Protein backbone atom coordinates (compact mmCIF):
# COMPACT_ATOMS: atom_id res chain seq x y z
CA MET A 1 0.42 -14.02 -15.92
CA ALA A 2 -1.55 -13.20 -12.75
CA HIS A 3 -0.46 -10.60 -10.58
CA LYS A 4 -1.28 -11.83 -6.71
CA ILE A 5 -2.81 -8.84 -4.60
CA GLY A 6 -1.21 -8.73 -0.86
CA VAL A 7 -1.89 -6.65 2.16
CA VAL A 8 0.56 -5.80 4.74
CA GLY A 9 -0.15 -3.57 7.81
CA GLU A 10 -1.87 -4.38 11.07
CA LYS A 11 -2.19 -7.79 11.95
CA ASP A 12 -5.76 -6.60 12.88
CA VAL A 13 -6.48 -5.19 9.97
CA VAL A 14 -4.95 -7.67 7.19
CA ILE A 15 -6.09 -10.23 8.73
CA PRO A 16 -10.47 -9.68 7.67
CA PHE A 17 -8.80 -9.39 3.35
CA GLN A 18 -8.06 -13.31 4.23
CA ILE A 19 -11.52 -13.64 3.70
CA ILE A 20 -12.03 -12.32 0.16
CA GLY A 21 -9.08 -14.37 -0.39
CA PHE A 22 -5.94 -11.74 -0.17
CA ASP A 23 -2.79 -12.64 0.96
CA THR A 24 -2.03 -11.02 4.32
CA PHE A 25 1.23 -9.62 6.05
CA PRO A 26 0.74 -8.81 9.23
CA VAL A 27 4.36 -7.05 9.87
CA SER A 28 5.22 -5.46 13.44
CA SER A 29 8.12 -2.88 12.95
CA ALA A 30 8.81 -0.55 9.64
CA ASP A 31 11.78 -3.00 8.81
CA GLN A 32 9.53 -5.98 8.86
CA ALA A 33 7.32 -3.84 6.01
CA ARG A 34 10.45 -2.48 4.23
CA GLN A 35 11.26 -6.19 3.68
CA THR A 36 7.42 -7.67 3.61
CA ILE A 37 7.18 -5.24 0.60
CA ASP A 38 10.35 -5.64 -1.75
CA ARG A 39 9.91 -9.22 -1.06
CA LEU A 40 6.37 -9.27 -2.58
CA ALA A 41 7.55 -6.98 -5.22
CA GLU A 42 9.86 -9.40 -6.41
CA GLU A 43 7.18 -12.19 -6.59
CA ASN A 44 4.92 -11.25 -8.93
CA TYR A 45 2.51 -9.16 -6.42
CA GLY A 46 1.17 -6.46 -8.68
CA VAL A 47 -0.87 -4.83 -6.00
CA ILE A 48 -0.07 -4.34 -2.51
CA TYR A 49 -2.51 -2.10 -0.27
CA LEU A 50 -0.48 -0.79 3.01
CA THR A 51 -1.79 0.66 5.90
CA GLU A 52 -1.35 4.42 6.09
CA SER A 53 0.46 3.85 9.60
CA ILE A 54 2.99 1.96 8.38
CA ALA A 55 3.27 3.56 4.98
CA GLN A 56 4.43 6.94 7.65
CA GLU A 57 6.84 4.78 8.66
CA ILE A 58 8.78 3.79 5.60
CA PRO A 59 7.78 6.89 3.08
CA GLU A 60 11.18 5.46 0.84
CA THR A 61 10.06 2.60 0.20
CA VAL A 62 6.73 4.33 -0.75
CA SER A 63 8.01 6.45 -3.10
CA ARG A 64 10.44 4.03 -4.62
CA TYR A 65 7.78 1.90 -5.92
CA ASP A 66 5.59 4.88 -6.50
CA ALA A 67 8.28 5.69 -9.46
CA LYS A 68 7.55 1.80 -11.08
CA VAL A 69 4.10 0.45 -12.73
CA ILE A 70 3.71 -2.66 -11.11
CA PRO A 71 3.16 -3.69 -7.70
CA ALA A 72 0.90 -0.23 -7.09
CA VAL A 73 1.02 0.50 -3.52
CA ILE A 74 -2.57 1.59 -2.18
CA LEU A 75 -2.58 2.90 0.90
CA ILE A 76 -5.49 2.26 3.29
CA PRO A 77 -6.66 3.07 6.76
CA SER A 78 -5.79 1.05 9.85
CA HIS A 79 -7.53 0.52 12.81
CA LYS A 80 -7.49 3.22 14.16
CA GLY A 81 -9.09 5.29 10.88
CA SER A 82 -7.33 7.17 8.03
CA LEU A 83 -4.88 9.60 8.69
CA GLY A 84 -5.40 11.15 4.67
CA ILE A 85 -2.05 10.35 3.81
CA GLY A 86 -3.72 7.50 0.55
CA LYS A 87 -6.42 10.40 -0.03
CA LYS A 88 -4.08 12.47 -0.88
CA ARG A 89 -1.60 10.30 -2.73
CA VAL A 90 -5.06 9.65 -5.11
CA ASN A 91 -5.27 13.96 -5.05
CA GLU A 92 -1.74 14.22 -6.52
CA ASN A 93 -1.62 11.09 -9.08
CA VAL A 94 -4.99 12.69 -10.74
CA GLU A 95 -3.30 16.16 -10.78
CA LYS A 96 -0.50 14.30 -12.28
CA ALA A 97 -2.18 12.57 -14.57
CA VAL A 98 -5.10 15.33 -15.96
CA GLY A 99 -2.61 18.56 -14.91
CA GLN A 100 -5.31 19.52 -12.51
CA ASN A 101 -7.19 17.90 -9.00
CA ILE A 102 -11.13 17.29 -9.84
CA LEU A 103 -11.49 15.10 -7.55
CA ASP A 104 -12.67 18.04 -4.64
């Protein structure tokens, strides 16, 4: 069974992802983002890209999906640039997997 890919975040950030065939879900509030992510997880989405600015507003939802293999919630910069949250998460996961930070 193939998993779908979705992008959740501010409208001006997510809409360009339609060009490459991803399903996009513009949100304008933390509650809307939580509901959208939970719905996508139930609807067989394997990867959910989420803007860092929205992730910053819903850390408990992001943490809940960190404990699961599917869906993978991947943080991406918003139109305002990177907040460094996504890179920090990658570094932490690599360190957890191999026992040390090999990326810095």
